[in-house]
Protein backbone atom coordinates (compact mmCIF):
# COMPACT_ATOMS: atom_id res chain seq x y z
CA UNK A 1 41.21 -128.68 118.22
CA UNK A 2 43.82 -131.13 119.51
CA UNK A 3 44.55 -134.62 120.43
CA UNK A 4 41.61 -136.73 121.42
CA UNK A 5 41.44 -140.24 122.94
CA UNK A 6 40.58 -143.21 120.44
CA UNK A 7 36.96 -142.87 121.45
CA UNK A 8 36.04 -139.73 119.93
CA UNK A 9 34.41 -137.00 122.06
CA UNK A 10 31.40 -137.23 120.23
CA UNK A 11 31.27 -140.90 120.70
CA UNK A 12 32.13 -140.48 124.39
CA UNK A 13 29.15 -138.07 124.79
CA UNK A 14 26.63 -140.53 123.29
CA UNK A 15 28.00 -143.46 125.21
CA UNK A 16 27.99 -141.62 128.61
CA UNK A 17 24.39 -140.59 127.91
CA UNK A 18 23.31 -143.88 126.89
CA UNK A 19 24.81 -145.47 130.01
CA UNK A 20 22.78 -143.45 132.16
CA UNK A 21 19.59 -143.85 130.08
CA UNK A 22 20.11 -147.06 128.29
CA UNK A 23 17.72 -146.03 125.45
CA UNK A 24 17.28 -142.63 123.81
CA UNK A 25 15.54 -141.15 121.10
CA UNK A 26 17.62 -139.09 118.65
CA UNK A 27 16.13 -135.83 120.14
CA UNK A 28 16.65 -136.97 123.47
CA UNK A 29 20.24 -137.69 122.72
CA UNK A 30 20.68 -134.30 121.12
CA UNK A 31 19.26 -132.75 124.46
CA UNK A 32 21.47 -134.77 126.88
CA UNK A 33 24.71 -134.66 124.93
CA UNK A 34 24.40 -130.98 123.54
CA UNK A 35 25.85 -132.08 120.26
CA UNK A 36 24.62 -130.84 116.86
CA UNK A 37 22.45 -133.30 114.82
CA UNK A 38 25.26 -134.02 112.42
CA UNK A 39 27.84 -134.61 115.12
CA UNK A 40 25.56 -137.04 117.05
CA UNK A 41 24.61 -139.00 113.76
CA UNK A 42 28.24 -139.28 113.03
CA UNK A 43 29.11 -140.71 116.47
CA UNK A 44 25.92 -142.97 116.24
CA UNK A 45 26.79 -144.42 112.89
CA UNK A 46 30.49 -145.10 113.88
CA UNK A 47 29.41 -146.71 117.32
CA UNK A 48 26.75 -148.84 115.29
CA UNK A 49 29.37 -149.96 112.85
CA UNK A 50 31.45 -151.30 115.81
CA UNK A 51 28.38 -152.94 117.61
CA UNK A 52 28.72 -150.34 120.43
CA UNK A 53 25.13 -149.29 120.15
CA UNK A 54 21.89 -150.66 118.60
CA UNK A 55 19.74 -148.56 116.44
CA UNK A 56 16.06 -148.97 115.74
CA UNK A 57 14.67 -147.20 112.61
CA UNK A 58 11.26 -146.42 111.04
CA UNK A 59 10.86 -145.92 107.51
CA UNK A 60 8.80 -142.63 106.62
CA UNK A 61 7.01 -141.56 103.47
CA UNK A 62 5.89 -138.06 102.28
CA UNK A 63 4.42 -136.91 99.23
CA UNK A 64 4.83 -133.59 97.09
CA UNK A 65 2.62 -132.40 94.40
CA UNK A 66 4.50 -131.23 91.32
CA UNK A 67 4.04 -127.90 89.70
CA UNK A 68 2.07 -129.62 86.88
CA UNK A 69 0.09 -131.66 89.42
CA UNK A 70 -0.94 -128.30 91.33
CA UNK A 71 -2.05 -126.72 88.00
CA UNK A 72 -4.41 -129.83 87.49
CA UNK A 73 -5.64 -129.71 91.06
CA UNK A 74 -6.56 -125.99 90.84
CA UNK A 75 -8.45 -126.77 87.39
CA UNK A 76 -9.12 -130.16 85.89
CA UNK A 77 -7.03 -133.17 84.62
CA UNK A 78 -6.53 -133.04 80.77
CA UNK A 79 -8.93 -135.88 80.16
CA UNK A 80 -11.56 -134.22 82.35
CA UNK A 81 -11.16 -131.22 80.25
CA UNK A 82 -11.57 -133.30 77.16
CA UNK A 83 -14.44 -135.01 78.14
CA UNK A 84 -16.47 -131.73 79.05
CA UNK A 85 -15.73 -130.51 75.39
CA UNK A 86 -16.96 -133.69 73.99
CA UNK A 87 -19.95 -133.37 76.00
CA UNK A 88 -20.63 -130.10 74.31
CA UNK A 89 -19.55 -130.54 70.86
CA UNK A 90 -17.98 -132.91 68.26
CA UNK A 91 -14.19 -133.08 68.11
CA UNK A 92 -11.79 -134.65 65.48
CA UNK A 93 -8.73 -136.60 66.56
CA UNK A 94 -6.78 -134.39 64.17
CA UNK A 95 -7.54 -131.31 65.90
CA UNK A 96 -6.02 -132.17 69.19
CA UNK A 97 -2.56 -130.23 68.71
CA UNK A 98 -1.91 -129.04 72.16
CA UNK A 99 0.14 -130.99 74.33
CA UNK A 100 -2.49 -130.96 77.14
CA UNK A 101 -5.16 -132.17 74.79
CA UNK A 102 -2.97 -134.97 73.47
CA UNK A 103 -2.10 -136.05 77.08
CA UNK A 104 -5.81 -135.96 77.78
CA UNK A 105 -6.91 -138.02 74.82
CA UNK A 106 -4.11 -140.72 75.52
CA UNK A 107 -5.32 -141.28 79.12
CA UNK A 108 -9.07 -140.86 78.29
CA UNK A 109 -8.76 -143.73 75.61
CA UNK A 110 -6.80 -145.83 77.85
CA UNK A 111 -9.40 -145.59 80.50
CA UNK A 112 -12.15 -146.29 77.92
CA UNK A 113 -13.77 -143.14 78.34
CA UNK A 114 -13.60 -142.15 74.67
CA UNK A 115 -13.66 -143.87 71.34
CA UNK A 116 -12.92 -143.09 67.79
CA UNK A 117 -15.26 -143.50 64.91
CA UNK A 118 -14.30 -142.09 61.24
CA UNK A 119 -11.62 -139.92 63.01
CA UNK A 120 -14.33 -138.36 65.27
CA UNK A 121 -14.06 -138.60 69.08
CA UNK A 122 -17.15 -139.55 71.05
CA UNK A 123 -17.81 -140.32 74.68
CA UNK A 124 -18.32 -143.92 75.73
CA UNK A 125 -20.92 -144.59 78.54
CA UNK A 126 -18.14 -144.56 81.15
CA UNK A 127 -17.18 -141.03 79.55
CA UNK A 128 -20.42 -139.82 80.06
CA UNK A 129 -20.60 -140.75 83.64
CA UNK A 130 -17.18 -139.32 84.36
CA UNK A 131 -18.37 -135.77 82.96
CA UNK A 132 -20.41 -135.39 86.17
CA UNK A 133 -18.41 -137.48 88.78
CA UNK A 134 -14.92 -136.65 87.56
CA UNK A 135 -12.30 -139.35 87.29
CA UNK A 136 -10.85 -141.31 90.22
CA UNK A 137 -7.26 -139.73 89.61
CA UNK A 138 -8.55 -135.96 89.52
CA UNK A 139 -10.58 -136.50 92.63
CA UNK A 140 -7.64 -137.87 94.51
CA UNK A 141 -5.43 -135.23 93.27
CA UNK A 142 -7.81 -132.44 94.37
CA UNK A 143 -8.09 -134.10 97.88
CA UNK A 144 -4.43 -134.39 98.34
CA UNK A 145 -3.93 -130.83 97.15
CA UNK A 146 -6.48 -129.71 99.76
CA UNK A 147 -5.60 -131.98 102.49
CA UNK A 148 -2.15 -133.53 102.01
CA UNK A 149 -2.39 -135.14 105.58
CA UNK A 150 -4.79 -137.56 104.26
CA UNK A 151 -2.09 -139.10 101.85
CA UNK A 152 -1.62 -142.40 103.71
CA UNK A 153 -5.55 -143.18 103.58
CA UNK A 154 -5.80 -141.95 100.01
CA UNK A 155 -2.89 -144.15 98.89
CA UNK A 156 -4.37 -147.01 100.59
CA UNK A 157 -8.01 -146.65 99.47
CA UNK A 158 -7.14 -145.51 95.84
CA UNK A 159 -4.19 -147.57 94.99
CA UNK A 160 -4.53 -147.68 91.28
CA UNK A 161 -5.40 -143.81 90.90
CA UNK A 162 -2.62 -142.91 93.01
CA UNK A 163 -0.11 -145.16 91.28
CA UNK A 164 -1.13 -143.38 88.09
CA UNK A 165 -0.64 -139.85 89.63
CA UNK A 166 2.98 -140.89 90.57
CA UNK A 167 3.41 -142.61 87.02
CA UNK A 168 2.39 -139.39 85.32
CA UNK A 169 4.74 -137.32 87.45
CA UNK A 170 2.10 -135.29 89.18
CA UNK A 171 2.80 -136.61 92.56
CA UNK A 172 6.29 -137.41 93.93
CA UNK A 173 6.85 -139.88 96.96
CA UNK A 174 9.90 -139.01 99.21
CA UNK A 175 10.95 -141.79 101.45
CA UNK A 176 13.55 -141.61 104.30
CA UNK A 177 14.62 -143.69 107.32
CA UNK A 178 14.18 -142.07 110.77
CA UNK A 179 15.94 -143.22 114.12
CA UNK A 180 13.26 -144.11 116.39
CA UNK A 181 15.65 -145.21 119.50
CA UNK A 182 19.40 -145.95 120.33
CA UNK A 183 20.56 -148.26 122.99
CA UNK A 184 23.95 -149.02 124.51
CA UNK A 185 25.27 -152.53 124.25
CA UNK A 186 27.60 -154.58 126.38
CA UNK A 187 30.41 -153.77 123.97
CA UNK A 188 29.58 -150.19 124.21
CA UNK A 189 29.73 -150.29 128.07
CA UNK A 190 32.99 -152.18 127.49
CA UNK A 191 34.43 -149.37 125.34
CA UNK A 192 33.40 -146.74 127.89
CA UNK A 193 34.89 -148.35 130.82
CA UNK A 194 38.17 -149.55 129.00
CA UNK A 195 38.92 -146.35 126.85
CA UNK A 196 42.51 -146.94 125.35
CA UNK A 197 44.98 -144.15 126.16
CA UNK A 198 46.10 -143.91 122.56
CA UNK A 199 45.57 -140.36 121.28
CA UNK A 200 44.34 -139.50 117.84
CA UNK A 201 44.13 -136.46 115.65
CA UNK A 202 40.59 -135.39 114.45
CA UNK A 203 41.73 -132.07 112.79
CA UNK A 204 45.00 -130.25 112.01
CA UNK A 205 45.69 -126.93 113.42
CA UNK A 206 48.02 -124.48 112.14
CA UNK A 207 50.09 -124.90 115.38
CA UNK A 208 50.42 -128.72 114.70
CA UNK A 209 51.82 -128.01 111.31
CA UNK A 210 54.26 -125.52 112.47
CA UNK A 211 55.58 -127.50 115.25
CA UNK A 212 55.54 -130.84 113.67
CA UNK A 213 53.51 -132.30 116.41
CA UNK A 214 51.27 -134.32 114.20
CA UNK A 215 54.38 -136.75 113.15
CA UNK A 216 53.85 -140.11 114.61
CA UNK A 217 50.17 -139.64 115.65
CA UNK A 218 47.16 -141.57 114.46
CA UNK A 219 44.61 -139.69 112.43
CA UNK A 220 40.88 -140.29 113.29
CA UNK A 221 39.45 -141.78 110.06
CA UNK A 222 36.55 -140.10 108.15
CA UNK A 223 33.78 -141.99 106.65
CA UNK A 224 32.64 -140.04 103.73
CA UNK A 225 29.36 -142.64 103.22
CA UNK A 226 27.77 -141.31 106.51
CA UNK A 227 24.49 -139.28 105.86
CA UNK A 228 24.38 -135.92 107.24
CA UNK A 229 21.39 -133.50 107.32
CA UNK A 230 20.74 -131.72 104.10
CA UNK A 231 21.75 -128.05 103.88
CA UNK A 232 19.92 -125.53 101.93
CA UNK A 233 22.67 -124.03 99.95
CA UNK A 234 22.46 -120.71 98.14
CA UNK A 235 22.07 -120.55 94.22
CA UNK A 236 21.54 -118.22 91.64
CA UNK A 237 18.11 -118.17 90.00
CA UNK A 238 18.39 -120.10 86.53
CA UNK A 239 17.27 -116.84 84.79
CA UNK A 240 20.03 -114.76 86.34
CA UNK A 241 22.42 -117.60 85.61
CA UNK A 242 21.57 -117.33 81.88
CA UNK A 243 21.86 -113.48 81.87
CA UNK A 244 25.24 -113.78 83.57
CA UNK A 245 26.33 -116.36 80.78
CA UNK A 246 25.05 -114.09 78.05
CA UNK A 247 27.12 -111.17 79.53
CA UNK A 248 30.27 -113.56 79.89
CA UNK A 249 29.76 -114.59 76.27
CA UNK A 250 29.43 -111.06 74.77
CA UNK A 251 32.35 -109.76 76.82
CA UNK A 252 34.65 -112.66 75.74
CA UNK A 253 33.76 -111.65 72.02
CA UNK A 254 35.02 -108.22 72.77
CA UNK A 255 31.73 -106.51 73.17
CA UNK A 256 31.02 -103.68 75.52
CA UNK A 257 27.88 -103.43 77.68
CA UNK A 258 25.55 -100.39 77.22
CA UNK A 259 22.37 -99.34 79.17
CA UNK A 260 19.23 -97.48 78.40
CA UNK A 261 15.85 -96.51 80.14
CA UNK A 262 12.81 -98.82 80.44
CA UNK A 263 10.44 -95.87 80.13
CA UNK A 264 10.92 -94.17 76.95
CA UNK A 265 9.03 -91.87 74.45
CA UNK A 266 7.63 -93.85 71.50
CA UNK A 267 10.18 -92.09 69.45
CA UNK A 268 13.04 -94.21 70.63
CA UNK A 269 10.98 -97.62 70.56
CA UNK A 270 9.30 -97.14 67.41
CA UNK A 271 10.11 -93.92 65.16
CA UNK A 272 13.80 -94.17 65.40
CA UNK A 273 13.50 -97.59 64.24
CA UNK A 274 11.48 -96.70 61.09
CA UNK A 275 8.18 -98.07 62.23
CA UNK A 276 5.29 -96.15 60.79
CA UNK A 277 3.11 -94.36 63.29
CA UNK A 278 0.04 -96.14 62.19
CA UNK A 279 1.75 -99.66 62.25
CA UNK A 280 -0.38 -102.29 64.32
CA UNK A 281 2.47 -103.15 66.59
CA UNK A 282 2.21 -99.63 68.16
CA UNK A 283 -1.50 -100.03 69.27
CA UNK A 284 -2.50 -100.59 72.78
CA UNK A 285 -3.13 -104.18 72.15
CA UNK A 286 0.54 -104.67 71.55
CA UNK A 287 2.30 -102.13 73.86
CA UNK A 288 1.89 -100.71 77.39
CA UNK A 289 1.48 -96.77 77.12
CA UNK A 290 1.63 -94.90 80.39
CA UNK A 291 -0.97 -92.21 81.90
CA UNK A 292 1.68 -90.75 84.34
CA UNK A 293 3.42 -89.32 82.44
CA UNK A 294 1.53 -89.31 79.37
CA UNK A 295 4.33 -88.03 77.27
CA UNK A 296 8.12 -87.49 77.38
CA UNK A 297 9.40 -84.75 75.36
CA UNK A 298 12.21 -85.48 72.95
CA UNK A 299 14.89 -83.04 71.89
CA UNK A 300 14.45 -81.25 68.46
CA UNK A 301 17.84 -81.87 67.17
CA UNK A 302 19.25 -83.06 63.99
CA UNK A 303 18.31 -86.70 64.90
CA UNK A 304 14.68 -85.67 65.43
CA UNK A 305 14.50 -83.92 62.31
CA UNK A 306 16.23 -86.64 60.29
CA UNK A 307 13.94 -89.40 61.64
CA UNK A 308 10.85 -87.19 60.90
CA UNK A 309 11.78 -86.55 57.39
CA UNK A 310 12.57 -90.18 56.62
CA UNK A 311 9.02 -90.91 57.93
CA UNK A 312 7.44 -88.28 55.81
CA UNK A 313 9.54 -89.14 52.70
CA UNK A 314 8.92 -92.95 52.64
CA UNK A 315 5.81 -93.55 54.50
CA UNK A 316 3.94 -90.52 53.39
CA UNK A 317 0.79 -89.01 55.20
CA UNK A 318 1.51 -87.13 58.35
CA UNK A 319 3.99 -87.83 61.03
CA UNK A 320 2.99 -86.27 64.53
CA UNK A 321 5.41 -85.38 67.18
CA UNK A 322 2.70 -85.96 69.74
CA UNK A 323 2.51 -89.88 68.90
CA UNK A 324 6.39 -89.91 68.82
CA UNK A 325 6.52 -88.60 72.45
CA UNK A 326 3.80 -90.83 73.98
CA UNK A 327 5.41 -92.33 77.22
CA UNK A 328 5.45 -96.18 77.18
CA UNK A 329 7.24 -99.33 78.57
CA UNK A 330 9.98 -100.30 75.84
CA UNK A 331 8.84 -103.40 73.81
CA UNK A 332 12.53 -104.23 73.14
CA UNK A 333 16.06 -103.42 74.08
CA UNK A 334 16.58 -102.09 70.54
CA UNK A 335 15.83 -98.63 71.99
CA UNK A 336 19.42 -98.89 73.64
CA UNK A 337 20.98 -99.67 70.21
CA UNK A 338 19.04 -97.01 68.44
CA UNK A 339 20.36 -94.38 70.87
CA UNK A 340 24.02 -95.56 70.63
CA UNK A 341 23.85 -95.51 66.89
CA UNK A 342 22.45 -92.00 66.85
CA UNK A 343 25.21 -90.82 69.24
CA UNK A 344 27.92 -92.26 66.96
CA UNK A 345 26.57 -90.77 63.90
CA UNK A 346 26.54 -87.48 65.57
CA UNK A 347 30.16 -87.88 66.47
CA UNK A 348 31.32 -89.01 63.00
CA UNK A 349 34.00 -86.81 61.67
CA UNK A 350 35.18 -86.04 65.10
CA UNK A 351 37.52 -88.17 67.38
CA UNK A 352 35.64 -91.49 67.68
CA UNK A 353 36.33 -94.96 68.68
CA UNK A 354 38.16 -97.20 66.36
CA UNK A 355 35.92 -99.39 64.14
CA UNK A 356 34.49 -101.81 64.53
CA UNK A 357 32.34 -100.84 67.71
CA UNK A 358 30.81 -103.88 69.41
CA UNK A 359 27.92 -103.26 71.78
CA UNK A 360 25.23 -105.26 73.61
CA UNK A 361 22.52 -104.63 76.18
CA UNK A 362 20.45 -107.01 78.48
CA UNK A 363 17.29 -105.68 80.17
CA UNK A 364 13.56 -106.04 80.89
CA UNK A 365 10.92 -105.36 78.07
CA UNK A 366 7.17 -105.32 78.23
CA UNK A 367 4.63 -106.30 75.50
CA UNK A 368 0.81 -106.89 75.67
CA UNK A 369 0.98 -110.80 74.59
CA UNK A 370 -1.10 -113.70 75.53
CA UNK A 371 0.86 -115.79 78.08
CA UNK A 372 1.84 -119.35 77.06
CA UNK A 373 5.01 -121.52 77.52
CA UNK A 374 7.24 -119.33 75.29
CA UNK A 375 5.34 -115.89 75.68
CA UNK A 376 5.16 -113.36 78.57
CA UNK A 377 4.09 -109.80 79.15
CA UNK A 378 7.29 -108.97 81.29
CA UNK A 379 10.52 -110.69 80.13
CA UNK A 380 14.24 -110.29 79.47
CA UNK A 381 15.76 -109.44 76.03
CA UNK A 382 19.64 -108.97 74.84
CA UNK A 383 20.29 -106.64 71.92
CA UNK A 384 23.55 -106.44 70.10
CA UNK A 385 24.95 -104.24 67.50
CA UNK A 386 28.30 -103.99 65.43
CA UNK A 387 29.11 -100.69 63.83
CA UNK A 388 31.80 -101.00 61.06
CA UNK A 389 32.70 -100.77 57.42
CA UNK A 390 31.78 -103.28 54.72
CA UNK A 391 29.86 -105.46 57.09
CA UNK A 392 27.55 -108.21 55.49
CA UNK A 393 25.07 -110.82 56.51
CA UNK A 394 27.94 -113.27 56.62
CA UNK A 395 29.55 -111.44 59.38
CA UNK A 396 26.10 -111.15 61.20
CA UNK A 397 25.38 -115.05 60.95
CA UNK A 398 29.00 -115.87 62.02
CA UNK A 399 28.68 -113.66 65.23
CA UNK A 400 25.24 -115.16 66.09
CA UNK A 401 26.46 -118.72 65.38
CA UNK A 402 29.49 -118.00 67.97
CA UNK A 403 26.89 -116.28 70.27
CA UNK A 404 24.39 -119.18 70.47
CA UNK A 405 26.95 -121.79 70.10
CA UNK A 406 28.54 -120.66 73.46
CA UNK A 407 25.05 -121.32 75.07
CA UNK A 408 24.85 -124.74 73.46
CA UNK A 409 22.21 -123.71 71.01
CA UNK A 410 22.20 -124.64 67.43
CA UNK A 411 20.70 -121.96 65.08
CA UNK A 412 19.71 -121.32 61.49
CA UNK A 413 18.47 -118.31 59.75
CA UNK A 414 15.27 -117.43 57.54
CA UNK A 415 14.65 -114.34 55.59
CA UNK A 416 12.26 -111.94 57.14
CA UNK A 417 10.88 -108.25 57.32
CA UNK A 418 11.37 -105.91 59.94
CA UNK A 419 11.06 -102.19 59.31
CA UNK A 420 14.41 -101.17 60.61
CA UNK A 421 16.80 -103.66 58.83
CA UNK A 422 17.12 -104.77 55.13
CA UNK A 423 17.94 -107.33 54.62
CA UNK A 424 16.47 -108.99 57.73
CA UNK A 425 16.65 -112.62 59.19
CA UNK A 426 14.56 -114.25 61.93
CA UNK A 427 16.80 -116.56 64.04
CA UNK A 428 15.57 -120.08 64.65
CA UNK A 429 17.03 -122.53 67.42
CA UNK A 430 16.87 -126.20 67.63
CA UNK A 431 14.97 -127.53 70.71
CA UNK A 432 16.51 -131.02 71.76
CA UNK A 433 13.25 -131.41 74.05
CA UNK A 434 10.55 -130.99 71.53
CA UNK A 435 12.58 -131.75 68.31
CA UNK A 436 11.62 -128.71 66.70
CA UNK A 437 12.96 -125.12 65.56
CA UNK A 438 11.81 -122.25 67.58
CA UNK A 439 11.95 -118.51 66.50
CA UNK A 440 13.95 -116.85 69.11
CA UNK A 441 14.69 -113.25 67.65
CA UNK A 442 15.29 -111.08 64.79
CA UNK A 443 18.43 -109.63 63.17
CA UNK A 444 19.61 -107.91 60.11
CA UNK A 445 21.56 -104.72 58.93
CA UNK A 446 20.19 -101.30 60.00
CA UNK A 447 18.57 -99.33 57.01
CA UNK A 448 19.93 -95.89 56.23
CA UNK A 449 16.66 -94.29 57.39
CA UNK A 450 17.72 -95.62 60.84
CA UNK A 451 21.28 -94.63 60.86
CA UNK A 452 21.18 -91.56 58.56
CA UNK A 453 24.42 -92.83 56.85
CA UNK A 454 24.50 -94.50 53.28
CA UNK A 455 25.37 -98.34 53.58
CA UNK A 456 28.61 -97.72 51.56
CA UNK A 457 29.93 -95.44 54.28
CA UNK A 458 28.77 -97.41 57.42
CA UNK A 459 27.14 -100.78 58.29
CA UNK A 460 25.48 -101.61 61.42
CA UNK A 461 24.45 -105.32 62.19
CA UNK A 462 21.89 -105.67 64.83
CA UNK A 463 19.84 -108.57 66.45
CA UNK A 464 17.68 -109.00 69.38
CA UNK A 465 16.95 -112.60 70.97
CA UNK A 466 14.90 -113.27 74.05
CA UNK A 467 16.69 -114.40 77.08
CA UNK A 468 14.02 -116.69 78.58
CA UNK A 469 13.74 -118.55 75.25
CA UNK A 470 17.40 -119.17 75.15
CA UNK A 471 17.05 -120.59 78.69
CA UNK A 472 14.03 -122.70 77.61
CA UNK A 473 16.37 -124.32 74.93
CA UNK A 474 19.38 -124.90 76.87
CA UNK A 475 17.94 -126.15 80.12
CA UNK A 476 15.94 -129.69 79.68
CA UNK A 477 14.22 -128.84 83.29
CA UNK A 478 12.37 -125.91 82.08
CA UNK A 479 9.13 -126.85 80.18
CA UNK A 480 7.69 -123.31 80.06
CA UNK A 481 9.11 -119.77 80.85
CA UNK A 482 6.21 -118.98 83.17
CA UNK A 483 8.15 -121.53 85.58
CA UNK A 484 10.93 -118.87 85.86
CA UNK A 485 8.41 -116.54 87.73
CA UNK A 486 6.61 -118.90 90.05
CA UNK A 487 7.04 -118.27 93.90
CA UNK A 488 7.89 -121.90 94.69
CA UNK A 489 11.33 -121.88 96.62
CA UNK A 490 11.33 -125.74 96.54
CA UNK A 491 11.43 -125.47 92.75
CA UNK A 492 14.48 -123.49 92.77
CA UNK A 493 16.28 -125.68 95.49
CA UNK A 494 15.54 -128.84 93.69
CA UNK A 495 16.96 -127.55 90.30
CA UNK A 496 20.39 -128.45 89.08
CA UNK A 497 22.66 -125.58 88.05
CA UNK A 498 22.48 -124.62 84.39
């Protein structure tokens, strides 16, 4: 870096190349000047503003099919699916409760493909024809998805259908201006031949500042309005951002993070939480059990015996160690909390931490669920516990209001039953997007059968919200938690930071 003549060295390189070749494309200019693209564009814009060069531009268009559009292109448009259902059976307007069904009905009715009589939907003649030929938007969308290079022809020959795809947010048009050619003008030739000798500074160096040699010099002005090539900046995945935010919130509230295994014996996932061995949630339909290893031995200590005796006393029947030792993927992170409470109870009477003890965990859990916009088989959960004396539901609700409030989420509570807490409460959070309350987790005070300690001696508050659902609530761009696990890097780059 140093002192430069008033015609900047980038501008000088551009003018010199243009004087020799008179007219160049941007790629040719980069080749002859050896400038980087942003350096050349900066110089060309400066020269153009002074009338030293003429620039010919061409407007370009490109399209992008959104994630929703891709899903419809691979299957059918909502209205096409509705028409096929109506072709096979009767359907009432009141039964259209899914969002996709309602979208399909709105567009089918607008196009005159369906009508309503006495609350029942039926196909019009146009709808009958569309069941075999498909609708125009669906045909265009599928062809665009298969052969995007046909965009210009399809947009011209199917104007209304293409406009509807854009209106519905299934297709996005990107427009940009591209430099076709750059020519030097007489003014540019004059600037090149009559370069003023005045020196300007385009960047300050440490030596300039130390010596003071910058004093009395002119500085090259910067134009912050100039276009520069977009750079693909690094950014964290929104799910990782949410997990980090949850961690920061817990730590700011005085909690300590704890960890536990993903593969567990059923003892720590179910039995230690006072869930009977014949409970439906323990079936293969709800949990994932392993074949290798098929079982994990549990140490026969006082905790094992206490949990066994509690099951036998309160649930009756038999309690089988073989069932408790089945190897499985944990269905919640409460297994970590169960272990930590057990460790604390064993240490009672010895030298222990000062109460209250506040712990949390964040990790992956696995459930055999049907996948939809708020359910997955593999997802993240956070668990929290507070161990102390004379703790009540008021303390629990106060903590949860602060925890969710830090995430920008409004919550309310509803009485609920969970085997391991009494009393128990479900936590509901308000969705600004759907204007509804969504269940996000359970909470309560751990039962004596779990802790092994009477409530009057020790209380343990516990809760376990799902991380993806918290993200769904705080991020207006995410419509479904399934979006968080797609492989579209463009989706990630287009997102704002949450």
